[in-house]
Amino acid sequence: MKLIPFENTWPYEKMGDDIYIEDCPYCDADNVLTYMKPADLENAMDEIKTPLVMPCCHTKMTIVQADNDYFWTTEPLRKRGSK
């Protein structure tokens, strides 16, 4: 698989079966509880493209892979040089 730039990542937190994003990369909403199910996260960890519609602004993020801390997406979500 082609190397995905860090600008295309976004951190997430897993609490039980719930997946949270601290800040929405699209609308800046705080502490967003996503609709992502554990099976969807497993798919993303297995490098299966997984769509995630943000419940706060209804923008679709396409996750191409996930690790224990980050979603790796098809689009830049960060400004170059930011955390």
PDB file of N, CA and C in Angstrom:
ATOM      1  N   MET A   1       0.841  -1.192   0.000  1.00  0.00           N
ATOM      2  CA  MET A   1       0.000   0.000   0.000  1.00  0.00           C
ATOM      3  C   MET A   1       0.879   1.247   0.000  1.00  0.00           C
ATOM      4  N   LYS A   2       0.431   2.251  -0.708  1.00  0.00           N
ATOM      5  CA  LYS A   2       1.137   3.518  -0.797  1.00  0.00           C
ATOM      6  C   LYS A   2       1.184   4.189   0.586  1.00  0.00           C
ATOM      7  N   LEU A   3       2.298   4.848   0.889  1.00  0.00           N
ATOM      8  CA  LEU A   3       2.453   5.534   2.169  1.00  0.00           C
ATOM      9  C   LEU A   3       1.464   6.694   2.256  1.00  0.00           C
ATOM     10  N   ILE A   4       0.727   6.762   3.342  1.00  0.00           N
ATOM     11  CA  ILE A   4      -0.267   7.816   3.552  1.00  0.00           C
ATOM     12  C   ILE A   4       0.389   8.921   4.369  1.00  0.00           C
ATOM     13  N   PRO A   5       0.318  10.187   3.922  1.00  0.00           N
ATOM     14  CA  PRO A   5       0.947  11.274   4.675  1.00  0.00           C
ATOM     15  C   PRO A   5       0.241  11.524   6.010  1.00  0.00           C
ATOM     16  N   PHE A   6       1.008  12.014   6.981  1.00  0.00           N
ATOM     17  CA  PHE A   6       0.456  12.263   8.313  1.00  0.00           C
ATOM     18  C   PHE A   6      -0.670  13.292   8.290  1.00  0.00           C
ATOM     19  N   GLU A   7      -0.675  14.181   7.305  1.00  0.00           N
ATOM     20  CA  GLU A   7      -1.755  15.173   7.170  1.00  0.00           C
ATOM     21  C   GLU A   7      -3.106  14.497   6.971  1.00  0.00           C
ATOM     22  N   ASN A   8      -3.092  13.238   6.541  1.00  0.00           N
ATOM     23  CA  ASN A   8      -4.331  12.485   6.291  1.00  0.00           C
ATOM     24  C   ASN A   8      -4.747  11.641   7.498  1.00  0.00           C
ATOM     25  N   THR A   9      -4.271  11.989   8.669  1.00  0.00           N
ATOM     26  CA  THR A   9      -4.641  11.227   9.870  1.00  0.00           C
ATOM     27  C   THR A   9      -5.505  12.066  10.796  1.00  0.00           C
ATOM     28  N   TRP A  10      -6.259  11.348  11.625  1.00  0.00           N
ATOM     29  CA  TRP A  10      -7.045  12.016  12.667  1.00  0.00           C
ATOM     30  C   TRP A  10      -7.132  11.071  13.865  1.00  0.00           C
ATOM     31  N   PRO A  11      -6.850  11.584  15.084  1.00  0.00           N
ATOM     32  CA  PRO A  11      -6.883  10.717  16.270  1.00  0.00           C
ATOM     33  C   PRO A  11      -8.312  10.379  16.700  1.00  0.00           C
ATOM     34  N   TYR A  12      -8.435   9.221  17.313  1.00  0.00           N
ATOM     35  CA  TYR A  12      -9.726   8.799  17.860  1.00  0.00           C
ATOM     36  C   TYR A  12      -9.474   8.102  19.193  1.00  0.00           C
ATOM     37  N   GLU A  13     -10.527   7.958  19.968  1.00  0.00           N
ATOM     38  CA  GLU A  13     -10.469   7.244  21.247  1.00  0.00           C
ATOM     39  C   GLU A  13     -11.540   6.167  21.253  1.00  0.00           C
ATOM     40  N   LYS A  14     -11.212   5.024  21.792  1.00  0.00           N
ATOM     41  CA  LYS A  14     -12.189   3.943  21.935  1.00  0.00           C
ATOM     42  C   LYS A  14     -12.466   3.759  23.424  1.00  0.00           C
ATOM     43  N   MET A  15     -13.736   3.813  23.793  1.00  0.00           N
ATOM     44  CA  MET A  15     -14.163   3.588  25.172  1.00  0.00           C
ATOM     45  C   MET A  15     -15.252   2.532  25.132  1.00  0.00           C
ATOM     46  N   GLY A  16     -14.912   1.316  25.545  1.00  0.00           N
ATOM     47  CA  GLY A  16     -15.848   0.204  25.411  1.00  0.00           C
ATOM     48  C   GLY A  16     -16.073  -0.048  23.936  1.00  0.00           C
ATOM     49  N   ASP A  17     -17.329  -0.043  23.514  1.00  0.00           N
ATOM     50  CA  ASP A  17     -17.650  -0.218  22.100  1.00  0.00           C
ATOM     51  C   ASP A  17     -17.864   1.116  21.383  1.00  0.00           C
ATOM     52  N   ASP A  18     -17.671   2.229  22.084  1.00  0.00           N
ATOM     53  CA  ASP A  18     -17.897   3.555  21.503  1.00  0.00           C
ATOM     54  C   ASP A  18     -16.596   4.134  20.952  1.00  0.00           C
ATOM     55  N   ILE A  19     -16.704   4.797  19.799  1.00  0.00           N
ATOM     56  CA  ILE A  19     -15.573   5.458  19.163  1.00  0.00           C
ATOM     57  C   ILE A  19     -15.842   6.965  19.204  1.00  0.00           C
ATOM     58  N   TYR A  20     -14.928   7.713  19.824  1.00  0.00           N
ATOM     59  CA  TYR A  20     -15.048   9.161  19.951  1.00  0.00           C
ATOM     60  C   TYR A  20     -13.955   9.853  19.156  1.00  0.00           C
ATOM     61  N   ILE A  21     -14.276  11.033  18.663  1.00  0.00           N
ATOM     62  CA  ILE A  21     -13.283  11.931  18.082  1.00  0.00           C
ATOM     63  C   ILE A  21     -13.331  13.196  18.913  1.00  0.00           C
ATOM     64  N   GLU A  22     -12.167  13.598  19.431  1.00  0.00           N
ATOM     65  CA  GLU A  22     -12.124  14.749  20.336  1.00  0.00           C
ATOM     66  C   GLU A  22     -12.605  16.026  19.662  1.00  0.00           C
ATOM     67  N   ASP A  23     -12.129  16.283  18.444  1.00  0.00           N
ATOM     68  CA  ASP A  23     -12.533  17.470  17.686  1.00  0.00           C
ATOM     69  C   ASP A  23     -12.815  17.054  16.251  1.00  0.00           C
ATOM     70  N   CYS A  24     -13.963  17.416  15.735  1.00  0.00           N
ATOM     71  CA  CYS A  24     -14.297  17.099  14.353  1.00  0.00           C
ATOM     72  C   CYS A  24     -13.362  17.887  13.430  1.00  0.00           C
ATOM     73  N   PRO A  25     -12.722  17.216  12.460  1.00  0.00           N
ATOM     74  CA  PRO A  25     -11.824  17.931  11.562  1.00  0.00           C
ATOM     75  C   PRO A  25     -12.556  18.845  10.570  1.00  0.00           C
ATOM     76  N   TYR A  26     -13.870  18.708  10.466  1.00  0.00           N
ATOM     77  CA  TYR A  26     -14.648  19.479   9.498  1.00  0.00           C
ATOM     78  C   TYR A  26     -15.356  20.679  10.123  1.00  0.00           C
ATOM     79  N   CYS A  27     -15.973  20.479  11.297  1.00  0.00           N
ATOM     80  CA  CYS A  27     -16.760  21.576  11.890  1.00  0.00           C
ATOM     81  C   CYS A  27     -16.273  21.981  13.287  1.00  0.00           C
ATOM     82  N   ASP A  28     -15.228  21.338  13.778  1.00  0.00           N
ATOM     83  CA  ASP A  28     -14.629  21.642  15.090  1.00  0.00           C
ATOM     84  C   ASP A  28     -15.531  21.322  16.284  1.00  0.00           C
ATOM     85  N   ALA A  29     -16.561  20.508  16.108  1.00  0.00           N
ATOM     86  CA  ALA A  29     -17.387  20.091  17.244  1.00  0.00           C
ATOM     87  C   ALA A  29     -16.513  19.294  18.222  1.00  0.00           C
ATOM     88  N   ASP A  30     -16.802  19.408  19.502  1.00  0.00           N
ATOM     89  CA  ASP A  30     -16.020  18.744  20.546  1.00  0.00           C
ATOM     90  C   ASP A  30     -16.644  17.421  20.952  1.00  0.00           C
ATOM     91  N   ASN A  31     -15.773  16.469  21.331  1.00  0.00           N
ATOM     92  CA  ASN A  31     -16.184  15.176  21.894  1.00  0.00           C
ATOM     93  C   ASN A  31     -17.311  14.521  21.103  1.00  0.00           C
ATOM     94  N   VAL A  32     -17.027  14.191  19.867  1.00  0.00           N
ATOM     95  CA  VAL A  32     -18.029  13.629  18.952  1.00  0.00           C
ATOM     96  C   VAL A  32     -18.092  12.109  19.129  1.00  0.00           C
ATOM     97  N   LEU A  33     -19.259  11.619  19.499  1.00  0.00           N
ATOM     98  CA  LEU A  33     -19.506  10.180  19.554  1.00  0.00           C
ATOM     99  C   LEU A  33     -19.924   9.757  18.155  1.00  0.00           C
ATOM    100  N   THR A  34     -19.103   8.928  17.509  1.00  0.00           N
ATOM    101  CA  THR A  34     -19.396   8.514  16.135  1.00  0.00           C
ATOM    102  C   THR A  34     -20.390   7.355  16.135  1.00  0.00           C
ATOM    103  N   TYR A  35     -20.892   7.059  14.945  1.00  0.00           N
ATOM    104  CA  TYR A  35     -21.787   5.918  14.769  1.00  0.00           C
ATOM    105  C   TYR A  35     -21.006   4.647  14.438  1.00  0.00           C
ATOM    106  N   MET A  36     -19.672   4.726  14.480  1.00  0.00           N
ATOM    107  CA  MET A  36     -18.840   3.591  14.095  1.00  0.00           C
ATOM    108  C   MET A  36     -19.032   2.426  15.062  1.00  0.00           C
ATOM    109  N   LYS A  37     -19.198   1.256  14.503  1.00  0.00           N
ATOM    110  CA  LYS A  37     -19.353   0.022  15.278  1.00  0.00           C
ATOM    111  C   LYS A  37     -17.997  -0.679  15.387  1.00  0.00           C
ATOM    112  N   PRO A  38     -17.817  -1.545  16.385  1.00  0.00           N
ATOM    113  CA  PRO A  38     -16.548  -2.280  16.513  1.00  0.00           C
ATOM    114  C   PRO A  38     -16.173  -3.047  15.238  1.00  0.00           C
ATOM    115  N   ALA A  39     -17.145  -3.598  14.526  1.00  0.00           N
ATOM    116  CA  ALA A  39     -16.853  -4.317  13.279  1.00  0.00           C
ATOM    117  C   ALA A  39     -16.296  -3.369  12.215  1.00  0.00           C
ATOM    118  N   ASP A  40     -16.796  -2.129  12.172  1.00  0.00           N
ATOM    119  CA  ASP A  40     -16.289  -1.141  11.218  1.00  0.00           C
ATOM    120  C   ASP A  40     -14.836  -0.790  11.541  1.00  0.00           C
ATOM    121  N   LEU A  41     -14.526  -0.648  12.821  1.00  0.00           N
ATOM    122  CA  LEU A  41     -13.150  -0.358  13.226  1.00  0.00           C
ATOM    123  C   LEU A  41     -12.233  -1.516  12.860  1.00  0.00           C
ATOM    124  N   GLU A  42     -12.705  -2.738  13.061  1.00  0.00           N
ATOM    125  CA  GLU A  42     -11.922  -3.919  12.662  1.00  0.00           C
ATOM    126  C   GLU A  42     -11.636  -3.906  11.164  1.00  0.00           C
ATOM    127  N   ASN A  43     -12.656  -3.561  10.362  1.00  0.00           N
ATOM    128  CA  ASN A  43     -12.458  -3.462   8.920  1.00  0.00           C
ATOM    129  C   ASN A  43     -11.379  -2.435   8.584  1.00  0.00           C
ATOM    130  N   ALA A  44     -11.448  -1.273   9.218  1.00  0.00           N
ATOM    131  CA  ALA A  44     -10.456  -0.227   8.971  1.00  0.00           C
ATOM    132  C   ALA A  44      -9.061  -0.696   9.383  1.00  0.00           C
ATOM    133  N   MET A  45      -8.967  -1.430  10.484  1.00  0.00           N
ATOM    134  CA  MET A  45      -7.670  -1.954  10.925  1.00  0.00           C
ATOM    135  C   MET A  45      -7.141  -3.016   9.960  1.00  0.00           C
ATOM    136  N   ASP A  46      -8.052  -3.664   9.238  1.00  0.00           N
ATOM    137  CA  ASP A  46      -7.668  -4.649   8.224  1.00  0.00           C
ATOM    138  C   ASP A  46      -7.465  -3.997   6.855  1.00  0.00           C
ATOM    139  N   GLU A  47      -7.395  -2.662   6.822  1.00  0.00           N
ATOM    140  CA  GLU A  47      -7.155  -1.875   5.609  1.00  0.00           C
ATOM    141  C   GLU A  47      -8.266  -2.021   4.573  1.00  0.00           C
ATOM    142  N   ILE A  48      -9.500  -2.134   5.054  1.00  0.00           N
ATOM    143  CA  ILE A  48     -10.680  -2.129   4.191  1.00  0.00           C
ATOM    144  C   ILE A  48     -11.260  -0.721   4.257  1.00  0.00           C
ATOM    145  N   LYS A  49     -11.439  -0.070   3.100  1.00  0.00           N
ATOM    146  CA  LYS A  49     -11.984   1.287   3.102  1.00  0.00           C
ATOM    147  C   LYS A  49     -13.301   1.312   3.860  1.00  0.00           C
ATOM    148  N   THR A  50     -13.388   2.246   4.813  1.00  0.00           N
ATOM    149  CA  THR A  50     -14.538   2.326   5.699  1.00  0.00           C
ATOM    150  C   THR A  50     -15.059   3.756   5.737  1.00  0.00           C
ATOM    151  N   PRO A  51     -16.288   3.996   5.315  1.00  0.00           N
ATOM    152  CA  PRO A  51     -16.838   5.354   5.407  1.00  0.00           C
ATOM    153  C   PRO A  51     -17.277   5.658   6.836  1.00  0.00           C
ATOM    154  N   LEU A  52     -17.093   6.904   7.227  1.00  0.00           N
ATOM    155  CA  LEU A  52     -17.568   7.367   8.532  1.00  0.00           C
ATOM    156  C   LEU A  52     -18.231   8.720   8.322  1.00  0.00           C
ATOM    157  N   VAL A  53     -19.546   8.781   8.545  1.00  0.00           N
ATOM    158  CA  VAL A  53     -20.278  10.040   8.443  1.00  0.00           C
ATOM    159  C   VAL A  53     -20.280  10.665   9.828  1.00  0.00           C
ATOM    160  N   MET A  54     -19.749  11.881   9.895  1.00  0.00           N
ATOM    161  CA  MET A  54     -19.672  12.572  11.184  1.00  0.00           C
ATOM    162  C   MET A  54     -21.079  13.010  11.602  1.00  0.00           C
ATOM    163  N   PRO A  55     -21.525  12.632  12.795  1.00  0.00           N
ATOM    164  CA  PRO A  55     -22.885  12.960  13.218  1.00  0.00           C
ATOM    165  C   PRO A  55     -23.100  14.453  13.456  1.00  0.00           C
ATOM    166  N   CYS A  56     -22.032  15.198  13.686  1.00  0.00           N
ATOM    167  CA  CYS A  56     -22.157  16.626  13.989  1.00  0.00           C
ATOM    168  C   CYS A  56     -22.435  17.475  12.750  1.00  0.00           C
ATOM    169  N   CYS A  57     -21.804  17.136  11.605  1.00  0.00           N
ATOM    170  CA  CYS A  57     -21.943  17.969  10.406  1.00  0.00           C
ATOM    171  C   CYS A  57     -22.293  17.162   9.153  1.00  0.00           C
ATOM    172  N   HIS A  58     -22.405  15.840   9.295  1.00  0.00           N
ATOM    173  CA  HIS A  58     -22.791  14.930   8.211  1.00  0.00           C
ATOM    174  C   HIS A  58     -21.775  14.863   7.059  1.00  0.00           C
ATOM    175  N   THR A  59     -20.529  15.235   7.352  1.00  0.00           N
ATOM    176  CA  THR A  59     -19.465  15.127   6.353  1.00  0.00           C
ATOM    177  C   THR A  59     -18.910  13.711   6.396  1.00  0.00           C
ATOM    178  N   LYS A  60     -18.647  13.153   5.205  1.00  0.00           N
ATOM    179  CA  LYS A  60     -18.160  11.775   5.123  1.00  0.00           C
ATOM    180  C   LYS A  60     -16.636  11.739   5.072  1.00  0.00           C
ATOM    181  N   MET A  61     -16.065  10.961   5.973  1.00  0.00           N
ATOM    182  CA  MET A  61     -14.636  10.686   6.011  1.00  0.00           C
ATOM    183  C   MET A  61     -14.454   9.266   5.483  1.00  0.00           C
ATOM    184  N   THR A  62     -13.493   9.068   4.585  1.00  0.00           N
ATOM    185  CA  THR A  62     -13.213   7.722   4.099  1.00  0.00           C
ATOM    186  C   THR A  62     -11.905   7.258   4.730  1.00  0.00           C
ATOM    187  N   ILE A  63     -12.013   6.246   5.584  1.00  0.00           N
ATOM    188  CA  ILE A  63     -10.862   5.712   6.299  1.00  0.00           C
ATOM    189  C   ILE A  63     -10.275   4.573   5.476  1.00  0.00           C
ATOM    190  N   VAL A  64      -8.980   4.660   5.160  1.00  0.00           N
ATOM    191  CA  VAL A  64      -8.351   3.591   4.387  1.00  0.00           C
ATOM    192  C   VAL A  64      -7.631   2.593   5.282  1.00  0.00           C
ATOM    193  N   GLN A  65      -7.276   3.043   6.488  1.00  0.00           N
ATOM    194  CA  GLN A  65      -6.743   2.126   7.483  1.00  0.00           C
ATOM    195  C   GLN A  65      -6.797   2.805   8.842  1.00  0.00           C
ATOM    196  N   ALA A  66      -6.660   2.008   9.881  1.00  0.00           N
ATOM    197  CA  ALA A  66      -6.664   2.532  11.245  1.00  0.00           C
ATOM    198  C   ALA A  66      -5.624   1.774  12.047  1.00  0.00           C
ATOM    199  N   ASP A  67      -5.093   2.463  13.052  1.00  0.00           N
ATOM    200  CA  ASP A  67      -4.257   1.781  14.038  1.00  0.00           C
ATOM    201  C   ASP A  67      -4.927   2.019  15.390  1.00  0.00           C
ATOM    202  N   ASN A  68      -4.217   1.824  16.468  1.00  0.00           N
ATOM    203  CA  ASN A  68      -4.836   1.972  17.794  1.00  0.00           C
ATOM    204  C   ASN A  68      -5.083   3.419  18.192  1.00  0.00           C
ATOM    205  N   ASP A  69      -4.543   4.373  17.431  1.00  0.00           N
ATOM    206  CA  ASP A  69      -4.666   5.784  17.794  1.00  0.00           C
ATOM    207  C   ASP A  69      -5.253   6.677  16.705  1.00  0.00           C
ATOM    208  N   TYR A  70      -5.037   6.317  15.435  1.00  0.00           N
ATOM    209  CA  TYR A  70      -5.377   7.210  14.326  1.00  0.00           C
ATOM    210  C   TYR A  70      -6.190   6.517  13.246  1.00  0.00           C
ATOM    211  N   PHE A  71      -7.046   7.336  12.610  1.00  0.00           N
ATOM    212  CA  PHE A  71      -7.649   6.963  11.344  1.00  0.00           C
ATOM    213  C   PHE A  71      -6.748   7.535  10.261  1.00  0.00           C
ATOM    214  N   TRP A  72      -6.474   6.749   9.223  1.00  0.00           N
ATOM    215  CA  TRP A  72      -5.693   7.190   8.065  1.00  0.00           C
ATOM    216  C   TRP A  72      -6.691   7.320   6.929  1.00  0.00           C
ATOM    217  N   THR A  73      -6.836   8.513   6.369  1.00  0.00           N
ATOM    218  CA  THR A  73      -7.921   8.808   5.443  1.00  0.00           C
ATOM    219  C   THR A  73      -7.439   9.110   4.023  1.00  0.00           C
ATOM    220  N   THR A  74      -8.406   9.293   3.125  1.00  0.00           N
ATOM    221  CA  THR A  74      -8.102   9.584   1.723  1.00  0.00           C
ATOM    222  C   THR A  74      -7.847  11.060   1.466  1.00  0.00           C
ATOM    223  N   GLU A  75      -8.040  11.904   2.478  1.00  0.00           N
ATOM    224  CA  GLU A  75      -7.894  13.350   2.277  1.00  0.00           C
ATOM    225  C   GLU A  75      -7.111  13.983   3.420  1.00  0.00           C
ATOM    226  N   PRO A  76      -6.443  15.110   3.151  1.00  0.00           N
ATOM    227  CA  PRO A  76      -5.753  15.816   4.230  1.00  0.00           C
ATOM    228  C   PRO A  76      -6.771  16.392   5.220  1.00  0.00           C
ATOM    229  N   LEU A  77      -6.536  16.121   6.495  1.00  0.00           N
ATOM    230  CA  LEU A  77      -7.415  16.645   7.547  1.00  0.00           C
ATOM    231  C   LEU A  77      -6.693  17.670   8.419  1.00  0.00           C
ATOM    232  N   ARG A  78      -5.390  17.734   8.286  1.00  0.00           N
ATOM    233  CA  ARG A  78      -4.575  18.667   9.084  1.00  0.00           C
ATOM    234  C   ARG A  78      -3.873  19.640   8.157  1.00  0.00           C
ATOM    235  N   LYS A  79      -3.571  20.796   8.716  1.00  0.00           N
ATOM    236  CA  LYS A  79      -2.725  21.734   7.998  1.00  0.00           C
ATOM    237  C   LYS A  79      -1.285  21.278   8.166  1.00  0.00           C
ATOM    238  N   ARG A  80      -0.490  21.435   7.132  1.00  0.00           N
ATOM    239  CA  ARG A  80       0.914  21.051   7.194  1.00  0.00           C
ATOM    240  C   ARG A  80       1.586  21.736   8.369  1.00  0.00           C
ATOM    241  N   GLY A  81       2.328  20.920   9.154  1.00  0.00           N
ATOM    242  CA  GLY A  81       3.072  21.464  10.284  1.00  0.00           C
ATOM    243  C   GLY A  81       2.276  21.510  11.584  1.00  0.00           C
ATOM    244  N   SER A  82       0.974  21.208  11.562  1.00  0.00           N
ATOM    245  CA  SER A  82       0.202  21.189  12.816  1.00  0.00           C
ATOM    246  C   SER A  82       0.276  19.804  13.426  1.00  0.00           C
ATOM    247  N   LYS A  83      -0.165  19.693  14.671  1.00  0.00           N
ATOM    248  CA  LYS A  83      -0.122  18.419  15.370  1.00  0.00           C
ATOM    249  C   LYS A  83      -1.093  17.442  14.776  1.00  0.00           C
TER     250      LYS A  83
END
